[in-house]
């Protein structure tokens, strides 16, 4: 990811069915299930915005938004 950019994880916990696919495919281990089994971004600063979680989620419950200077 480019310098000066950060990532925002938009997770719809009502749509999440706790399948863990996004957690499995995250190469930087940014995502983990919370105490109810719903996914959350526990290390967003490590995210490289590969978007594998967004692309693999069967329920479209996660979106990745890159935020940079001037955005």
N, C-alpha and C. Protein backbone atom coordinates (compact mmCIF):
# COMPACT_ATOMS: atom_id res chain seq x y z
N UNK A 1 0.85 -1.17 0.00
CA UNK A 1 0.00 0.00 0.00
C UNK A 1 0.89 1.23 0.00
N UNK A 2 0.40 2.30 -0.61
CA UNK A 2 1.20 3.51 -0.73
C UNK A 2 1.42 4.24 0.58
N UNK A 3 2.49 5.01 0.60
CA UNK A 3 2.83 5.79 1.79
C UNK A 3 1.74 6.83 2.07
N UNK A 4 1.42 7.01 3.34
CA UNK A 4 0.42 7.99 3.74
C UNK A 4 -1.01 7.52 3.63
N UNK A 5 -1.21 6.25 3.31
CA UNK A 5 -2.57 5.72 3.19
C UNK A 5 -2.88 4.80 4.36
N UNK A 6 -4.14 4.73 4.69
CA UNK A 6 -4.60 3.79 5.70
C UNK A 6 -5.84 3.10 5.18
N UNK A 7 -6.27 2.10 5.89
CA UNK A 7 -7.39 1.27 5.45
C UNK A 7 -8.49 1.29 6.49
N UNK A 8 -9.71 1.38 6.03
CA UNK A 8 -10.87 1.29 6.91
C UNK A 8 -11.63 0.01 6.53
N UNK A 9 -11.94 -0.78 7.53
CA UNK A 9 -12.70 -2.02 7.33
C UNK A 9 -14.15 -1.75 7.71
N UNK A 10 -15.04 -1.86 6.76
CA UNK A 10 -16.46 -1.68 7.02
C UNK A 10 -17.08 -3.07 7.06
N UNK A 11 -17.49 -3.48 8.26
CA UNK A 11 -18.00 -4.84 8.47
C UNK A 11 -19.44 -4.77 8.94
N UNK A 12 -20.32 -5.39 8.16
CA UNK A 12 -21.74 -5.46 8.53
C UNK A 12 -21.94 -6.74 9.34
N UNK A 13 -21.97 -6.58 10.64
CA UNK A 13 -22.05 -7.76 11.52
C UNK A 13 -23.39 -8.47 11.43
N UNK A 14 -24.41 -7.80 10.93
CA UNK A 14 -25.70 -8.48 10.74
C UNK A 14 -25.65 -9.41 9.54
N UNK A 15 -24.84 -9.09 8.56
CA UNK A 15 -24.71 -9.93 7.37
C UNK A 15 -23.69 -11.04 7.57
N UNK A 16 -22.75 -10.85 8.48
CA UNK A 16 -21.71 -11.84 8.73
C UNK A 16 -22.32 -13.11 9.32
N UNK A 17 -22.01 -14.25 8.69
CA UNK A 17 -22.55 -15.52 9.19
C UNK A 17 -21.49 -16.36 9.90
N UNK A 18 -20.36 -15.71 10.24
CA UNK A 18 -19.31 -16.34 11.04
C UNK A 18 -18.64 -17.53 10.34
N UNK A 19 -18.51 -17.46 9.03
CA UNK A 19 -17.92 -18.59 8.30
C UNK A 19 -16.40 -18.62 8.42
N UNK A 20 -15.75 -17.47 8.66
CA UNK A 20 -14.31 -17.42 8.84
C UNK A 20 -13.50 -17.40 7.55
N UNK A 21 -14.15 -17.32 6.40
CA UNK A 21 -13.42 -17.31 5.13
C UNK A 21 -12.50 -16.10 5.05
N UNK A 22 -12.98 -14.94 5.44
CA UNK A 22 -12.16 -13.72 5.38
C UNK A 22 -10.95 -13.83 6.31
N UNK A 23 -11.14 -14.41 7.46
CA UNK A 23 -10.05 -14.60 8.42
C UNK A 23 -9.00 -15.53 7.81
N UNK A 24 -9.45 -16.59 7.19
CA UNK A 24 -8.54 -17.57 6.60
C UNK A 24 -7.70 -16.98 5.46
N UNK A 25 -8.30 -16.15 4.62
CA UNK A 25 -7.61 -15.63 3.45
C UNK A 25 -6.77 -14.38 3.72
N UNK A 26 -6.89 -13.76 4.88
CA UNK A 26 -6.13 -12.54 5.17
C UNK A 26 -4.65 -12.87 5.34
N UNK A 27 -3.78 -12.37 4.42
CA UNK A 27 -2.37 -12.73 4.50
C UNK A 27 -1.63 -12.09 5.68
N UNK A 28 -2.16 -11.01 6.22
CA UNK A 28 -1.50 -10.31 7.33
C UNK A 28 -2.17 -10.55 8.68
N UNK A 29 -3.15 -11.45 8.72
CA UNK A 29 -3.84 -11.81 9.97
C UNK A 29 -4.44 -10.58 10.66
N UNK A 30 -5.05 -9.71 9.86
CA UNK A 30 -5.68 -8.49 10.36
C UNK A 30 -7.03 -8.81 11.01
N UNK A 31 -7.72 -9.79 10.48
CA UNK A 31 -9.08 -10.12 10.93
C UNK A 31 -9.09 -11.29 11.90
N UNK A 32 -9.97 -11.19 12.88
CA UNK A 32 -10.19 -12.27 13.85
C UNK A 32 -11.66 -12.26 14.25
N UNK A 33 -12.17 -13.41 14.66
CA UNK A 33 -13.55 -13.43 15.17
C UNK A 33 -13.61 -12.80 16.56
N UNK A 34 -14.70 -12.09 16.83
CA UNK A 34 -14.89 -11.54 18.17
C UNK A 34 -15.49 -12.61 19.08
N UNK A 35 -15.89 -12.26 20.28
CA UNK A 35 -16.40 -13.27 21.23
C UNK A 35 -17.70 -13.92 20.77
N UNK A 36 -18.41 -13.28 19.81
CA UNK A 36 -19.64 -13.86 19.27
C UNK A 36 -19.41 -14.59 17.95
N UNK A 37 -18.16 -14.58 17.47
CA UNK A 37 -17.83 -15.24 16.23
C UNK A 37 -17.88 -14.35 15.00
N UNK A 38 -18.33 -13.12 15.17
CA UNK A 38 -18.37 -12.16 14.07
C UNK A 38 -16.98 -11.59 13.85
N UNK A 39 -16.64 -11.30 12.60
CA UNK A 39 -15.29 -10.84 12.29
C UNK A 39 -15.09 -9.38 12.69
N UNK A 40 -13.85 -9.07 13.07
CA UNK A 40 -13.47 -7.69 13.35
C UNK A 40 -12.01 -7.50 12.95
N UNK A 41 -11.66 -6.27 12.61
CA UNK A 41 -10.28 -5.94 12.24
C UNK A 41 -9.52 -5.61 13.52
N UNK A 42 -8.70 -6.53 13.97
CA UNK A 42 -7.97 -6.34 15.22
C UNK A 42 -6.61 -5.68 15.02
N UNK A 43 -6.08 -5.74 13.80
CA UNK A 43 -4.81 -5.10 13.47
C UNK A 43 -4.93 -4.34 12.14
N UNK A 44 -5.79 -3.32 12.07
CA UNK A 44 -6.00 -2.62 10.79
C UNK A 44 -4.73 -1.95 10.26
N UNK A 45 -3.81 -1.60 11.14
CA UNK A 45 -2.57 -0.95 10.70
C UNK A 45 -1.69 -1.90 9.88
N UNK A 46 -1.92 -3.22 9.99
CA UNK A 46 -1.14 -4.20 9.23
C UNK A 46 -1.75 -4.52 7.87
N UNK A 47 -2.94 -4.02 7.60
CA UNK A 47 -3.65 -4.33 6.36
C UNK A 47 -2.92 -3.76 5.15
N UNK A 48 -2.78 -4.58 4.10
CA UNK A 48 -2.14 -4.15 2.87
C UNK A 48 -3.17 -3.87 1.77
N UNK A 49 -4.43 -3.89 2.10
CA UNK A 49 -5.54 -3.60 1.17
C UNK A 49 -5.52 -4.54 -0.04
N UNK A 50 -5.25 -5.81 0.19
CA UNK A 50 -5.27 -6.79 -0.90
C UNK A 50 -6.70 -7.10 -1.33
N UNK A 51 -7.66 -6.83 -0.44
CA UNK A 51 -9.08 -6.99 -0.67
C UNK A 51 -9.55 -8.44 -0.78
N UNK A 52 -8.70 -9.39 -0.37
CA UNK A 52 -9.10 -10.80 -0.42
C UNK A 52 -10.31 -11.07 0.47
N UNK A 53 -10.37 -10.41 1.62
CA UNK A 53 -11.51 -10.62 2.52
C UNK A 53 -12.81 -10.17 1.86
N UNK A 54 -12.76 -9.00 1.23
CA UNK A 54 -13.95 -8.46 0.56
C UNK A 54 -14.36 -9.35 -0.62
N UNK A 55 -13.39 -9.80 -1.39
CA UNK A 55 -13.68 -10.62 -2.56
C UNK A 55 -14.18 -12.01 -2.22
N UNK A 56 -13.71 -12.56 -1.11
CA UNK A 56 -14.06 -13.94 -0.73
C UNK A 56 -15.32 -14.05 0.13
N UNK A 57 -15.76 -12.96 0.75
CA UNK A 57 -16.92 -13.03 1.64
C UNK A 57 -18.18 -13.40 0.85
N UNK A 58 -18.79 -14.54 1.16
CA UNK A 58 -19.97 -14.97 0.41
C UNK A 58 -21.21 -14.12 0.69
N UNK A 59 -21.19 -13.36 1.76
CA UNK A 59 -22.35 -12.56 2.14
C UNK A 59 -22.16 -11.06 1.93
N UNK A 60 -21.03 -10.68 1.32
CA UNK A 60 -20.74 -9.25 1.07
C UNK A 60 -20.79 -8.43 2.35
N UNK A 61 -20.32 -9.01 3.43
CA UNK A 61 -20.40 -8.37 4.75
C UNK A 61 -19.21 -7.49 5.08
N UNK A 62 -18.20 -7.48 4.22
CA UNK A 62 -17.01 -6.68 4.51
C UNK A 62 -16.61 -5.87 3.28
N UNK A 63 -16.24 -4.62 3.54
CA UNK A 63 -15.75 -3.73 2.49
C UNK A 63 -14.46 -3.10 2.97
N UNK A 64 -13.54 -2.89 2.05
CA UNK A 64 -12.28 -2.25 2.35
C UNK A 64 -12.26 -0.88 1.69
N UNK A 65 -11.93 0.12 2.47
CA UNK A 65 -11.86 1.49 1.97
C UNK A 65 -10.46 2.01 2.25
N UNK A 66 -9.74 2.43 1.20
CA UNK A 66 -8.43 3.03 1.43
C UNK A 66 -8.60 4.52 1.62
N UNK A 67 -7.91 5.04 2.60
CA UNK A 67 -8.01 6.45 2.95
C UNK A 67 -6.61 7.04 2.87
N UNK A 68 -6.45 8.07 2.07
CA UNK A 68 -5.13 8.68 1.94
C UNK A 68 -5.23 10.18 2.04
N UNK A 69 -4.10 10.82 1.88
CA UNK A 69 -4.05 12.26 1.94
C UNK A 69 -4.94 12.85 0.86
N UNK A 70 -5.77 13.80 1.22
CA UNK A 70 -6.65 14.47 0.28
C UNK A 70 -7.92 13.72 -0.03
N UNK A 71 -8.16 12.57 0.59
CA UNK A 71 -9.38 11.81 0.35
C UNK A 71 -10.39 12.07 1.43
